[in-house]
């Protein structure tokens, strides 16, 4: 694969830390989103939810 990629005019270097950073960023966004939704559900008054069902 390395020999095949050498034939291209434009080259870029992909390091392992780019994928690690993207994974950590996605994990952080997911954790913040889930935490916010859990906090919002935990602090909501259950009577208001039951009133509409």
PDB file of N, CA and C in Angstrom:
ATOM      1  N   UNK A   1       0.826  -1.185   0.000  1.00  0.00           N
ATOM      2  CA  UNK A   1       0.000   0.000   0.000  1.00  0.00           C
ATOM      3  C   UNK A   1       0.871   1.249   0.000  1.00  0.00           C
ATOM      4  N   UNK A   2       1.981   1.189   0.715  1.00  0.00           N
ATOM      5  CA  UNK A   2       2.879   2.344   0.764  1.00  0.00           C
ATOM      6  C   UNK A   2       3.416   2.679  -0.628  1.00  0.00           C
ATOM      7  N   UNK A   3       3.768   1.656  -1.427  1.00  0.00           N
ATOM      8  CA  UNK A   3       4.265   1.894  -2.789  1.00  0.00           C
ATOM      9  C   UNK A   3       3.172   2.493  -3.675  1.00  0.00           C
ATOM     10  N   UNK A   4       1.937   2.055  -3.490  1.00  0.00           N
ATOM     11  CA  UNK A   4       0.833   2.595  -4.287  1.00  0.00           C
ATOM     12  C   UNK A   4       0.597   4.067  -3.952  1.00  0.00           C
ATOM     13  N   UNK A   5       0.703   4.412  -2.672  1.00  0.00           N
ATOM     14  CA  UNK A   5       0.486   5.799  -2.268  1.00  0.00           C
ATOM     15  C   UNK A   5       1.621   6.714  -2.695  1.00  0.00           C
ATOM     16  N   UNK A   6       2.818   6.174  -2.948  1.00  0.00           N
ATOM     17  CA  UNK A   6       3.940   7.003  -3.391  1.00  0.00           C
ATOM     18  C   UNK A   6       3.720   7.580  -4.779  1.00  0.00           C
ATOM     19  N   UNK A   7       2.845   7.008  -5.584  1.00  0.00           N
ATOM     20  CA  UNK A   7       2.606   7.473  -6.949  1.00  0.00           C
ATOM     21  C   UNK A   7       1.741   8.726  -7.013  1.00  0.00           C
ATOM     22  N   UNK A   8       1.118   9.113  -5.939  1.00  0.00           N
ATOM     23  CA  UNK A   8       0.264  10.300  -5.950  1.00  0.00           C
ATOM     24  C   UNK A   8       1.102  11.570  -5.827  1.00  0.00           C
ATOM     25  N   UNK A   9       0.644  12.635  -6.457  1.00  0.00           N
ATOM     26  CA  UNK A   9       1.387  13.898  -6.445  1.00  0.00           C
ATOM     27  C   UNK A   9       1.269  14.593  -5.090  1.00  0.00           C
ATOM     28  N   UNK A  10       0.109  14.523  -4.482  1.00  0.00           N
ATOM     29  CA  UNK A  10      -0.105  15.186  -3.198  1.00  0.00           C
ATOM     30  C   UNK A  10      -0.082  14.144  -2.090  1.00  0.00           C
ATOM     31  N   UNK A  11       0.713  14.418  -1.079  1.00  0.00           N
ATOM     32  CA  UNK A  11       0.858  13.467   0.022  1.00  0.00           C
ATOM     33  C   UNK A  11       0.528  14.155   1.339  1.00  0.00           C
ATOM     34  N   UNK A  12       0.026  13.383   2.255  1.00  0.00           N
ATOM     35  CA  UNK A  12      -0.247  13.881   3.602  1.00  0.00           C
ATOM     36  C   UNK A  12       0.142  12.803   4.606  1.00  0.00           C
ATOM     37  N   UNK A  13       0.462  13.234   5.786  1.00  0.00           N
ATOM     38  CA  UNK A  13       0.860  12.306   6.827  1.00  0.00           C
ATOM     39  C   UNK A  13      -0.268  12.206   7.842  1.00  0.00           C
ATOM     40  N   UNK A  14      -0.702  10.983   8.108  1.00  0.00           N
ATOM     41  CA  UNK A  14      -1.734  10.753   9.113  1.00  0.00           C
ATOM     42  C   UNK A  14      -1.088  10.057  10.293  1.00  0.00           C
ATOM     43  N   UNK A  15      -1.087  10.727  11.405  1.00  0.00           N
ATOM     44  CA  UNK A  15      -0.513  10.150  12.613  1.00  0.00           C
ATOM     45  C   UNK A  15      -1.603   9.489  13.443  1.00  0.00           C
ATOM     46  N   UNK A  16      -1.183   8.659  14.386  1.00  0.00           N
ATOM     47  CA  UNK A  16      -2.143   7.956  15.234  1.00  0.00           C
ATOM     48  C   UNK A  16      -2.860   8.909  16.171  1.00  0.00           C
ATOM     49  N   UNK A  17      -2.203  10.024  16.554  1.00  0.00           N
ATOM     50  CA  UNK A  17      -2.800  10.912  17.527  1.00  0.00           C
ATOM     51  C   UNK A  17      -4.002  11.666  16.939  1.00  0.00           C
ATOM     52  N   UNK A  18      -4.078  11.792  15.631  1.00  0.00           N
ATOM     53  CA  UNK A  18      -5.238  12.446  15.010  1.00  0.00           C
ATOM     54  C   UNK A  18      -6.496  11.612  15.262  1.00  0.00           C
ATOM     55  N   UNK A  19      -6.371  10.297  15.101  1.00  0.00           N
ATOM     56  CA  UNK A  19      -7.519   9.415  15.332  1.00  0.00           C
ATOM     57  C   UNK A  19      -7.856   9.341  16.821  1.00  0.00           C
ATOM     58  N   UNK A  20      -6.834   9.353  17.666  1.00  0.00           N
ATOM     59  CA  UNK A  20      -7.069   9.335  19.113  1.00  0.00           C
ATOM     60  C   UNK A  20      -7.769  10.620  19.550  1.00  0.00           C
ATOM     61  N   UNK A  21      -7.339  11.750  19.014  1.00  0.00           N
ATOM     62  CA  UNK A  21      -7.963  13.029  19.356  1.00  0.00           C
ATOM     63  C   UNK A  21      -9.417  13.077  18.891  1.00  0.00           C
ATOM     64  N   UNK A  22      -9.687  12.573  17.687  1.00  0.00           N
ATOM     65  CA  UNK A  22     -11.062  12.548  17.178  1.00  0.00           C
ATOM     66  C   UNK A  22     -11.943  11.642  18.037  1.00  0.00           C
ATOM     67  N   UNK A  23     -11.408  10.509  18.461  1.00  0.00           N
ATOM     68  CA  UNK A  23     -12.165   9.605  19.318  1.00  0.00           C
ATOM     69  C   UNK A  23     -12.457  10.209  20.678  1.00  0.00           C
ATOM     70  N   UNK A  24     -11.454  10.856  21.256  1.00  0.00           N
ATOM     71  CA  UNK A  24     -11.665  11.504  22.559  1.00  0.00           C
ATOM     72  C   UNK A  24     -12.644  12.667  22.458  1.00  0.00           C
ATOM     73  N   UNK A  25     -12.576  13.400  21.372  1.00  0.00           N
ATOM     74  CA  UNK A  25     -13.508  14.509  21.177  1.00  0.00           C
ATOM     75  C   UNK A  25     -14.943  13.995  21.029  1.00  0.00           C
ATOM     76  N   UNK A  26     -15.132  12.932  20.266  1.00  0.00           N
ATOM     77  CA  UNK A  26     -16.470  12.348  20.114  1.00  0.00           C
ATOM     78  C   UNK A  26     -16.975  11.784  21.433  1.00  0.00           C
ATOM     79  N   UNK A  27     -16.089  11.141  22.186  1.00  0.00           N
ATOM     80  CA  UNK A  27     -16.470  10.611  23.492  1.00  0.00           C
ATOM     81  C   UNK A  27     -16.837  11.732  24.460  1.00  0.00           C
ATOM     82  N   UNK A  28     -16.098  12.828  24.429  1.00  0.00           N
ATOM     83  CA  UNK A  28     -16.392  13.981  25.287  1.00  0.00           C
ATOM     84  C   UNK A  28     -17.729  14.609  24.960  1.00  0.00           C
ATOM     85  N   UNK A  29     -18.008  14.773  23.670  1.00  0.00           N
ATOM     86  CA  UNK A  29     -19.292  15.363  23.262  1.00  0.00           C
ATOM     87  C   UNK A  29     -20.447  14.454  23.683  1.00  0.00           C
ATOM     88  N   UNK A  30     -20.281  13.140  23.511  1.00  0.00           N
ATOM     89  CA  UNK A  30     -21.327  12.202  23.917  1.00  0.00           C
ATOM     90  C   UNK A  30     -21.535  12.236  25.430  1.00  0.00           C
ATOM     91  N   UNK A  31     -20.457  12.292  26.184  1.00  0.00           N
ATOM     92  CA  UNK A  31     -20.564  12.331  27.648  1.00  0.00           C
ATOM     93  C   UNK A  31     -21.250  13.606  28.119  1.00  0.00           C
ATOM     94  N   UNK A  32     -20.911  14.731  27.535  1.00  0.00           N
ATOM     95  CA  UNK A  32     -21.549  15.997  27.905  1.00  0.00           C
ATOM     96  C   UNK A  32     -23.035  15.968  27.559  1.00  0.00           C
ATOM     97  N   UNK A  33     -23.378  15.438  26.388  1.00  0.00           N
ATOM     98  CA  UNK A  33     -24.778  15.377  25.966  1.00  0.00           C
ATOM     99  C   UNK A  33     -25.608  14.483  26.885  1.00  0.00           C
ATOM    100  N   UNK A  34     -25.093  13.301  27.186  1.00  0.00           N
ATOM    101  CA  UNK A  34     -25.820  12.373  28.052  1.00  0.00           C
ATOM    102  C   UNK A  34     -25.932  12.936  29.463  1.00  0.00           C
ATOM    103  N   UNK A  35     -24.875  13.555  29.962  1.00  0.00           N
ATOM    104  CA  UNK A  35     -24.916  14.143  31.301  1.00  0.00           C
ATOM    105  C   UNK A  35     -25.939  15.267  31.382  1.00  0.00           C
ATOM    106  N   UNK A  36     -25.991  16.107  30.362  1.00  0.00           N
ATOM    107  CA  UNK A  36     -26.943  17.209  30.360  1.00  0.00           C
ATOM    108  C   UNK A  36     -28.381  16.701  30.328  1.00  0.00           C
ATOM    109  N   UNK A  37     -28.644  15.704  29.468  1.00  0.00           N
ATOM    110  CA  UNK A  37     -29.997  15.161  29.386  1.00  0.00           C
ATOM    111  C   UNK A  37     -30.388  14.450  30.682  1.00  0.00           C
ATOM    112  N   UNK A  38     -29.449  13.764  31.316  1.00  0.00           N
ATOM    113  CA  UNK A  38     -29.733  13.096  32.594  1.00  0.00           C
ATOM    114  C   UNK A  38     -30.014  14.112  33.686  1.00  0.00           C
ATOM    115  N   UNK A  39     -29.221  15.163  33.733  1.00  0.00           N
ATOM    116  CA  UNK A  39     -29.431  16.214  34.739  1.00  0.00           C
ATOM    117  C   UNK A  39     -30.783  16.888  34.527  1.00  0.00           C
ATOM    118  N   UNK A  40     -31.127  17.150  33.268  1.00  0.00           N
ATOM    119  CA  UNK A  40     -32.405  17.790  32.974  1.00  0.00           C
ATOM    120  C   UNK A  40     -33.577  16.899  33.395  1.00  0.00           C
ATOM    121  N   UNK A  41     -33.462  15.595  33.156  1.00  0.00           N
ATOM    122  CA  UNK A  41     -34.534  14.674  33.539  1.00  0.00           C
ATOM    123  C   UNK A  41     -34.602  14.499  35.047  1.00  0.00           C
ATOM    124  N   UNK A  42     -33.466  14.527  35.728  1.00  0.00           N
ATOM    125  CA  UNK A  42     -33.450  14.320  37.178  1.00  0.00           C
ATOM    126  C   UNK A  42     -33.988  15.521  37.933  1.00  0.00           C
ATOM    127  N   UNK A  43     -33.821  16.703  37.398  1.00  0.00           N
ATOM    128  CA  UNK A  43     -34.264  17.903  38.108  1.00  0.00           C
ATOM    129  C   UNK A  43     -35.685  18.325  37.738  1.00  0.00           C
ATOM    130  N   UNK A  44     -36.290  17.643  36.769  1.00  0.00           N
ATOM    131  CA  UNK A  44     -37.641  17.997  36.360  1.00  0.00           C
ATOM    132  C   UNK A  44     -38.653  17.441  37.361  1.00  0.00           C
ATOM    133  N   UNK A  45     -39.693  18.170  37.577  1.00  0.00           N
ATOM    134  CA  UNK A  45     -40.757  17.755  38.486  1.00  0.00           C
ATOM    135  C   UNK A  45     -41.564  16.628  37.828  1.00  0.00           C
ATOM    136  N   UNK A  46     -41.663  15.458  38.462  1.00  0.00           N
ATOM    137  CA  UNK A  46     -42.388  14.342  37.836  1.00  0.00           C
ATOM    138  C   UNK A  46     -43.881  14.604  37.682  1.00  0.00           C
ATOM    139  N   UNK A  47     -44.431  15.476  38.471  1.00  0.00           N
ATOM    140  CA  UNK A  47     -45.862  15.781  38.363  1.00  0.00           C
ATOM    141  C   UNK A  47     -46.159  16.433  37.022  1.00  0.00           C
ATOM    142  N   UNK A  48     -45.262  17.265  36.541  1.00  0.00           N
ATOM    143  CA  UNK A  48     -45.482  17.925  35.243  1.00  0.00           C
ATOM    144  C   UNK A  48     -45.458  16.911  34.107  1.00  0.00           C
ATOM    145  N   UNK A  49     -44.634  15.895  34.206  1.00  0.00           N
ATOM    146  CA  UNK A  49     -44.587  14.865  33.160  1.00  0.00           C
ATOM    147  C   UNK A  49     -45.848  14.016  33.183  1.00  0.00           C
ATOM    148  N   UNK A  50     -46.344  13.670  34.353  1.00  0.00           N
ATOM    149  CA  UNK A  50     -47.529  12.834  34.457  1.00  0.00           C
ATOM    150  C   UNK A  50     -48.797  13.570  34.054  1.00  0.00           C
ATOM    151  N   UNK A  51     -48.785  14.865  34.141  1.00  0.00           N
ATOM    152  CA  UNK A  51     -49.963  15.659  33.828  1.00  0.00           C
ATOM    153  C   UNK A  51     -50.319  15.541  32.343  1.00  0.00           C
ATOM    154  N   UNK A  52     -49.333  15.334  31.483  1.00  0.00           N
ATOM    155  CA  UNK A  52     -49.571  15.293  30.035  1.00  0.00           C
ATOM    156  C   UNK A  52     -49.753  13.890  29.501  1.00  0.00           C
ATOM    157  N   UNK A  53     -49.644  12.874  30.320  1.00  0.00           N
ATOM    158  CA  UNK A  53     -49.802  11.495  29.827  1.00  0.00           C
ATOM    159  C   UNK A  53     -51.217  10.993  29.997  1.00  0.00           C
TER     160      UNK A  53
END
